[in-house]
Amino acid sequence: MRSRLLVLLLVLVGLAGAGCSDLGGTDGKGYDEGTGRIFQIPEDERGDPVEAVGTTVGGEPIDIADYRGKVVVVNVWGAWCVECRKEMPLLTDWASENEGDDVALVGVNVRDNGVETAASFERTQGMEFPSFFDPGSTVLLEFSDKINPRTIPATALLDRQGRLGALIFGAIPGRATLGDLVEDLLAEDVPTEGQTGQPADG
């Protein structure tokens, strides 16, 4: 059963204007902290699997396709983002308790001046999950063209086929909300080999 906390996605095409802002409306900060709104995409309305390849903050290659078969929480963050600093302890604690065979957490670091700035943030925050180093926000667009790089933090959830299943604009409201989103995606039918390109677990 879908969680009552989730709001059914009505018009995905309209999210770019409704949930995000461009240079205007940022109060001179150069970014918009978002509103904490949650949108869930019905299974039969999801697009193709996300394809994103890049390099982590630590300099290692990363390919989101390697996570097929898992529900993937993709958090967009920057060391310059005050709300990201507030949100990150929730994510690191949640990941330490929930990552495993069925769930993964991946970051996308955007708009930091250099990789060392991002790496210092990771060390300070105790982030053990990998993050794409994406200063130009090009990788971010592969996850969703509805997430404006100036609306940070933001979180995308991918289903086990790698398709965009839910979006959170702004800081995650709480662990229970994140857990409900993940559980809803986990409760869906396990995809077959033909759907993911990999054998289904179990």
C-alpha atoms as a PDB file:
ATOM      1  CA  MET A   1       0.000   0.000   0.000  1.00  0.00           C
ATOM      2  CA  ARG A   2       1.304   3.440  -0.905  1.00  0.00           C
ATOM      3  CA  SER A   3       2.219   5.579   2.067  1.00  0.00           C
ATOM      4  CA  ARG A   4      -0.181   8.352   2.958  1.00  0.00           C
ATOM      5  CA  LEU A   5       2.818  10.621   3.351  1.00  0.00           C
ATOM      6  CA  LEU A   6       3.457  10.605  -0.389  1.00  0.00           C
ATOM      7  CA  VAL A   7       1.859  12.927  -2.889  1.00  0.00           C
ATOM      8  CA  LEU A   8       1.001  11.330  -6.219  1.00  0.00           C
ATOM      9  CA  LEU A   9       2.801  12.970  -9.112  1.00  0.00           C
ATOM     10  CA  LEU A  10       0.196  14.827 -11.165  1.00  0.00           C
ATOM     11  CA  VAL A  11       2.124  16.642 -13.862  1.00  0.00           C
ATOM     12  CA  LEU A  12       5.817  15.736 -14.018  1.00  0.00           C
ATOM     13  CA  VAL A  13       6.397  18.144 -16.866  1.00  0.00           C
ATOM     14  CA  GLY A  14       5.312  21.032 -14.657  1.00  0.00           C
ATOM     15  CA  LEU A  15       7.770  20.373 -11.875  1.00  0.00           C
ATOM     16  CA  ALA A  16      10.591  22.401 -13.339  1.00  0.00           C
ATOM     17  CA  GLY A  17       8.604  25.581 -12.970  1.00  0.00           C
ATOM     18  CA  ALA A  18       6.643  24.689  -9.868  1.00  0.00           C
ATOM     19  CA  GLY A  19       9.372  23.134  -7.756  1.00  0.00           C
ATOM     20  CA  CYS A  20      12.460  24.975  -8.854  1.00  0.00           C
ATOM     21  CA  SER A  21      13.610  28.478  -9.466  1.00  0.00           C
ATOM     22  CA  ASP A  22      16.270  29.955 -11.683  1.00  0.00           C
ATOM     23  CA  LEU A  23      18.421  32.939 -10.800  1.00  0.00           C
ATOM     24  CA  GLY A  24      15.361  34.859  -9.721  1.00  0.00           C
ATOM     25  CA  GLY A  25      13.883  34.082  -6.328  1.00  0.00           C
ATOM     26  CA  THR A  26      17.096  32.969  -4.676  1.00  0.00           C
ATOM     27  CA  ASP A  27      17.359  35.983  -2.359  1.00  0.00           C
ATOM     28  CA  GLY A  28      20.839  36.685  -3.689  1.00  0.00           C
ATOM     29  CA  LYS A  29      22.186  33.301  -2.489  1.00  0.00           C
ATOM     30  CA  GLY A  30      22.569  31.818  -5.956  1.00  0.00           C
ATOM     31  CA  TYR A  31      20.514  28.815  -4.940  1.00  0.00           C
ATOM     32  CA  ASP A  32      17.019  27.898  -3.770  1.00  0.00           C
ATOM     33  CA  GLU A  33      16.703  25.645  -0.735  1.00  0.00           C
ATOM     34  CA  GLY A  34      13.504  24.127  -2.104  1.00  0.00           C
ATOM     35  CA  THR A  35      10.303  23.389  -0.260  1.00  0.00           C
ATOM     36  CA  GLY A  36      10.603  19.798   0.953  1.00  0.00           C
ATOM     37  CA  ARG A  37       7.869  18.711  -1.454  1.00  0.00           C
ATOM     38  CA  ILE A  38       7.632  15.029  -2.332  1.00  0.00           C
ATOM     39  CA  PHE A  39       6.470  13.630  -5.661  1.00  0.00           C
ATOM     40  CA  GLN A  40       5.987   9.950  -6.429  1.00  0.00           C
ATOM     41  CA  ILE A  41       5.891   8.737 -10.022  1.00  0.00           C
ATOM     42  CA  PRO A  42       3.465   5.873 -10.704  1.00  0.00           C
ATOM     43  CA  GLU A  43       5.200   2.759 -11.974  1.00  0.00           C
ATOM     44  CA  ASP A  44       3.479   2.821 -15.353  1.00  0.00           C
ATOM     45  CA  GLU A  45       4.480   6.457 -15.960  1.00  0.00           C
ATOM     46  CA  ARG A  46       8.234   6.140 -15.409  1.00  0.00           C
ATOM     47  CA  GLY A  47      10.646   6.697 -18.242  1.00  0.00           C
ATOM     48  CA  ASP A  48      13.733   4.808 -19.292  1.00  0.00           C
ATOM     49  CA  PRO A  49      16.414   3.769 -16.788  1.00  0.00           C
ATOM     50  CA  VAL A  50      18.804   6.548 -15.859  1.00  0.00           C
ATOM     51  CA  GLU A  51      22.208   6.324 -17.534  1.00  0.00           C
ATOM     52  CA  ALA A  52      24.925   8.286 -15.733  1.00  0.00           C
ATOM     53  CA  VAL A  53      28.663   7.661 -15.814  1.00  0.00           C
ATOM     54  CA  GLY A  54      31.344   9.778 -14.204  1.00  0.00           C
ATOM     55  CA  THR A  55      34.006  10.080 -11.529  1.00  0.00           C
ATOM     56  CA  THR A  56      33.536  10.176  -7.780  1.00  0.00           C
ATOM     57  CA  VAL A  57      34.839  12.895  -5.494  1.00  0.00           C
ATOM     58  CA  GLY A  58      37.548  10.376  -4.590  1.00  0.00           C
ATOM     59  CA  GLY A  59      38.566   9.979  -8.242  1.00  0.00           C
ATOM     60  CA  GLU A  60      37.072   6.542  -8.856  1.00  0.00           C
ATOM     61  CA  PRO A  61      34.894   5.682 -11.872  1.00  0.00           C
ATOM     62  CA  ILE A  62      31.174   5.353 -11.138  1.00  0.00           C
ATOM     63  CA  ASP A  63      28.320   4.074 -13.289  1.00  0.00           C
ATOM     64  CA  ILE A  64      24.758   4.205 -11.957  1.00  0.00           C
ATOM     65  CA  ALA A  65      23.906   1.137 -14.051  1.00  0.00           C
ATOM     66  CA  ASP A  66      26.006  -0.926 -11.621  1.00  0.00           C
ATOM     67  CA  TYR A  67      23.241  -0.392  -9.057  1.00  0.00           C
ATOM     68  CA  ARG A  68      20.475  -1.990 -11.119  1.00  0.00           C
ATOM     69  CA  GLY A  69      18.429  -4.353  -8.974  1.00  0.00           C
ATOM     70  CA  LYS A  70      18.580  -2.001  -5.977  1.00  0.00           C
ATOM     71  CA  VAL A  71      16.500   0.960  -4.924  1.00  0.00           C
ATOM     72  CA  VAL A  72      18.942   3.865  -5.135  1.00  0.00           C
ATOM     73  CA  VAL A  73      18.640   7.072  -3.125  1.00  0.00           C
ATOM     74  CA  VAL A  74      20.451   9.797  -5.085  1.00  0.00           C
ATOM     75  CA  ASN A  75      21.154  12.873  -2.968  1.00  0.00           C
ATOM     76  CA  VAL A  76      22.279  16.120  -4.606  1.00  0.00           C
ATOM     77  CA  TRP A  77      24.546  18.168  -2.354  1.00  0.00           C
ATOM     78  CA  GLY A  78      27.206  20.850  -2.232  1.00  0.00           C
ATOM     79  CA  ALA A  79      29.674  21.887   0.450  1.00  0.00           C
ATOM     80  CA  TRP A  80      28.413  25.462   0.021  1.00  0.00           C
ATOM     81  CA  CYS A  81      24.834  24.476   0.893  1.00  0.00           C
ATOM     82  CA  VAL A  82      23.728  25.184   4.476  1.00  0.00           C
ATOM     83  CA  GLU A  83      20.711  22.872   4.239  1.00  0.00           C
ATOM     84  CA  CYS A  84      22.944  20.073   2.929  1.00  0.00           C
ATOM     85  CA  ARG A  85      25.058  20.288   6.099  1.00  0.00           C
ATOM     86  CA  LYS A  86      21.898  20.035   8.180  1.00  0.00           C
ATOM     87  CA  GLU A  87      20.516  17.130   6.149  1.00  0.00           C
ATOM     88  CA  MET A  88      23.634  14.994   5.782  1.00  0.00           C
ATOM     89  CA  PRO A  89      23.652  13.436   9.301  1.00  0.00           C
ATOM     90  CA  LEU A  90      20.187  12.049   8.586  1.00  0.00           C
ATOM     91  CA  LEU A  91      21.436  10.481   5.364  1.00  0.00           C
ATOM     92  CA  THR A  92      24.649   9.026   6.763  1.00  0.00           C
ATOM     93  CA  ASP A  93      22.818   7.529   9.745  1.00  0.00           C
ATOM     94  CA  TRP A  94      20.094   6.139   7.513  1.00  0.00           C
ATOM     95  CA  ALA A  95      22.629   4.639   5.106  1.00  0.00           C
ATOM     96  CA  SER A  96      24.580   2.933   7.897  1.00  0.00           C
ATOM     97  CA  GLU A  97      21.407   1.107   8.929  1.00  0.00           C
ATOM     98  CA  ASN A  98      19.779   0.433   5.566  1.00  0.00           C
ATOM     99  CA  GLU A  99      22.327   0.038   2.781  1.00  0.00           C
ATOM    100  CA  GLY A 100      22.745  -3.535   1.609  1.00  0.00           C
ATOM    101  CA  ASP A 101      21.660  -5.951  -1.104  1.00  0.00           C
ATOM    102  CA  ASP A 102      18.463  -4.056  -1.845  1.00  0.00           C
ATOM    103  CA  VAL A 103      19.233  -0.382  -1.144  1.00  0.00           C
ATOM    104  CA  ALA A 104      22.084   1.991  -1.990  1.00  0.00           C
ATOM    105  CA  LEU A 105      22.863   5.663  -1.397  1.00  0.00           C
ATOM    106  CA  VAL A 106      24.717   7.671  -4.041  1.00  0.00           C
ATOM    107  CA  GLY A 107      25.516  11.378  -4.004  1.00  0.00           C
ATOM    108  CA  VAL A 108      25.861  13.995  -6.725  1.00  0.00           C
ATOM    109  CA  ASN A 109      28.136  16.870  -5.723  1.00  0.00           C
ATOM    110  CA  VAL A 110      27.377  20.045  -7.673  1.00  0.00           C
ATOM    111  CA  ARG A 111      28.777  23.560  -8.001  1.00  0.00           C
ATOM    112  CA  ASP A 112      31.738  23.212  -5.644  1.00  0.00           C
ATOM    113  CA  ASN A 113      34.846  25.143  -6.705  1.00  0.00           C
ATOM    114  CA  GLY A 114      37.170  22.165  -6.529  1.00  0.00           C
ATOM    115  CA  VAL A 115      37.292  18.492  -5.706  1.00  0.00           C
ATOM    116  CA  GLU A 116      39.177  19.106  -2.451  1.00  0.00           C
ATOM    117  CA  THR A 117      36.325  21.278  -1.175  1.00  0.00           C
ATOM    118  CA  ALA A 118      33.906  18.423  -1.823  1.00  0.00           C
ATOM    119  CA  ALA A 119      36.316  15.849  -0.347  1.00  0.00           C
ATOM    120  CA  SER A 120      36.739  17.900   2.826  1.00  0.00           C
ATOM    121  CA  PHE A 121      32.951  18.034   3.219  1.00  0.00           C
ATOM    122  CA  GLU A 122      32.746  14.251   2.827  1.00  0.00           C
ATOM    123  CA  ARG A 123      35.394  13.722   5.505  1.00  0.00           C
ATOM    124  CA  THR A 124      33.797  16.179   7.915  1.00  0.00           C
ATOM    125  CA  GLN A 125      30.370  14.647   7.472  1.00  0.00           C
ATOM    126  CA  GLY A 126      31.548  11.033   7.638  1.00  0.00           C
ATOM    127  CA  MET A 127      30.122  10.242   4.205  1.00  0.00           C
ATOM    128  CA  GLU A 128      31.072   6.696   3.238  1.00  0.00           C
ATOM    129  CA  PHE A 129      28.858   6.467   0.153  1.00  0.00           C
ATOM    130  CA  PRO A 130      30.193   7.466  -3.294  1.00  0.00           C
ATOM    131  CA  SER A 131      29.287  10.780  -4.917  1.00  0.00           C
ATOM    132  CA  PHE A 132      29.603  11.862  -8.516  1.00  0.00           C
ATOM    133  CA  PHE A 133      31.847  14.932  -8.742  1.00  0.00           C
ATOM    134  CA  ASP A 134      29.698  17.092 -10.988  1.00  0.00           C
ATOM    135  CA  PRO A 135      30.684  20.773 -10.697  1.00  0.00           C
ATOM    136  CA  GLY A 136      28.918  21.644 -13.958  1.00  0.00           C
ATOM    137  CA  SER A 137      25.708  19.723 -13.074  1.00  0.00           C
ATOM    138  CA  THR A 138      25.853  17.717 -16.315  1.00  0.00           C
ATOM    139  CA  VAL A 139      25.525  14.354 -14.547  1.00  0.00           C
ATOM    140  CA  LEU A 140      22.641  15.731 -12.489  1.00  0.00           C
ATOM    141  CA  LEU A 141      20.606  16.240 -15.656  1.00  0.00           C
ATOM    142  CA  GLU A 142      20.838  12.513 -16.363  1.00  0.00           C
ATOM    143  CA  PHE A 143      18.916  11.799 -13.163  1.00  0.00           C
ATOM    144  CA  SER A 144      16.178  14.339 -13.776  1.00  0.00           C
ATOM    145  CA  ASP A 145      15.803  17.452 -15.877  1.00  0.00           C
ATOM    146  CA  LYS A 146      13.261  18.534 -13.255  1.00  0.00           C
ATOM    147  CA  ILE A 147      15.950  19.176 -10.617  1.00  0.00           C
ATOM    148  CA  ASN A 148      17.302  22.653 -11.142  1.00  0.00           C
ATOM    149  CA  PRO A 149      20.962  22.783 -10.037  1.00  0.00           C
ATOM    150  CA  ARG A 150      20.033  25.846  -7.985  1.00  0.00           C
ATOM    151  CA  THR A 151      17.428  23.919  -5.989  1.00  0.00           C
ATOM    152  CA  ILE A 152      19.665  22.164  -3.490  1.00  0.00           C
ATOM    153  CA  PRO A 153      19.393  19.908  -1.590  1.00  0.00           C
ATOM    154  CA  ALA A 154      17.273  17.562  -3.659  1.00  0.00           C
ATOM    155  CA  THR A 155      16.895  13.789  -3.697  1.00  0.00           C
ATOM    156  CA  ALA A 156      15.886  11.399  -6.466  1.00  0.00           C
ATOM    157  CA  LEU A 157      14.925   7.779  -5.844  1.00  0.00           C
ATOM    158  CA  LEU A 158      15.452   5.172  -8.547  1.00  0.00           C
ATOM    159  CA  ASP A 159      13.512   1.925  -8.653  1.00  0.00           C
ATOM    160  CA  ARG A 160      15.233  -1.418  -9.137  1.00  0.00           C
ATOM    161  CA  GLN A 161      15.102  -0.984 -12.885  1.00  0.00           C
ATOM    162  CA  GLY A 162      16.990   2.289 -12.546  1.00  0.00           C
ATOM    163  CA  ARG A 163      13.986   4.472 -13.398  1.00  0.00           C
ATOM    164  CA  LEU A 164      13.098   7.679 -11.582  1.00  0.00           C
ATOM    165  CA  GLY A 165      10.480   6.693  -9.009  1.00  0.00           C
ATOM    166  CA  ALA A 166      10.269   9.686  -6.672  1.00  0.00           C
ATOM    167  CA  LEU A 167      11.640  13.180  -6.114  1.00  0.00           C
ATOM    168  CA  ILE A 168      12.140  15.304  -3.019  1.00  0.00           C
ATOM    169  CA  PHE A 169      12.691  19.012  -3.576  1.00  0.00           C
ATOM    170  CA  GLY A 170      14.431  20.561  -0.591  1.00  0.00           C
ATOM    171  CA  ALA A 171      15.679  18.842   2.545  1.00  0.00           C
ATOM    172  CA  ILE A 172      14.330  15.378   3.338  1.00  0.00           C
ATOM    173  CA  PRO A 173      11.557  15.909   5.933  1.00  0.00           C
ATOM    174  CA  GLY A 174      12.730  13.010   8.096  1.00  0.00           C
ATOM    175  CA  ARG A 175      13.934   9.424   8.281  1.00  0.00           C
ATOM    176  CA  ALA A 176      10.390   8.055   8.316  1.00  0.00           C
ATOM    177  CA  THR A 177       9.543   9.855   5.083  1.00  0.00           C
ATOM    178  CA  LEU A 178      12.678   8.571   3.355  1.00  0.00           C
ATOM    179  CA  GLY A 179      12.012   5.079   4.678  1.00  0.00           C
ATOM    180  CA  ASP A 180       8.437   5.132   3.375  1.00  0.00           C
ATOM    181  CA  LEU A 181       9.587   6.154  -0.099  1.00  0.00           C
ATOM    182  CA  VAL A 182      12.184   3.401  -0.215  1.00  0.00           C
ATOM    183  CA  GLU A 183       9.798   0.770   1.143  1.00  0.00           C
ATOM    184  CA  ASP A 184       7.197   1.643  -1.475  1.00  0.00           C
ATOM    185  CA  LEU A 185       9.750   1.067  -4.233  1.00  0.00           C
ATOM    186  CA  LEU A 186      11.004  -2.141  -2.626  1.00  0.00           C
ATOM    187  CA  ALA A 187       7.443  -3.444  -2.427  1.00  0.00           C
ATOM    188  CA  GLU A 188       7.081  -3.366  -6.198  1.00  0.00           C
ATOM    189  CA  ASP A 189       7.512  -6.590  -8.141  1.00  0.00           C
ATOM    190  CA  VAL A 190      11.123  -7.681  -8.509  1.00  0.00           C
ATOM    191  CA  PRO A 191      12.017  -7.029 -12.174  1.00  0.00           C
ATOM    192  CA  THR A 192      12.910  -9.932 -14.408  1.00  0.00           C
ATOM    193  CA  GLU A 193      16.218 -10.373 -16.206  1.00  0.00           C
ATOM    194  CA  GLY A 194      14.727  -8.921 -19.371  1.00  0.00           C
ATOM    195  CA  GLN A 195      13.774  -5.727 -17.562  1.00  0.00           C
ATOM    196  CA  THR A 196      17.094  -4.992 -15.891  1.00  0.00           C
ATOM    197  CA  GLY A 197      19.667  -6.814 -17.988  1.00  0.00           C
ATOM    198  CA  GLN A 198      20.681  -8.674 -14.821  1.00  0.00           C
ATOM    199  CA  PRO A 199      19.243 -11.710 -13.057  1.00  0.00           C
ATOM    200  CA  ALA A 200      16.727 -10.838 -10.368  1.00  0.00           C
ATOM    201  CA  ASP A 201      17.842 -11.507  -6.798  1.00  0.00           C
ATOM    202  CA  GLY A 202      16.442 -14.545  -5.079  1.00  0.00           C
END
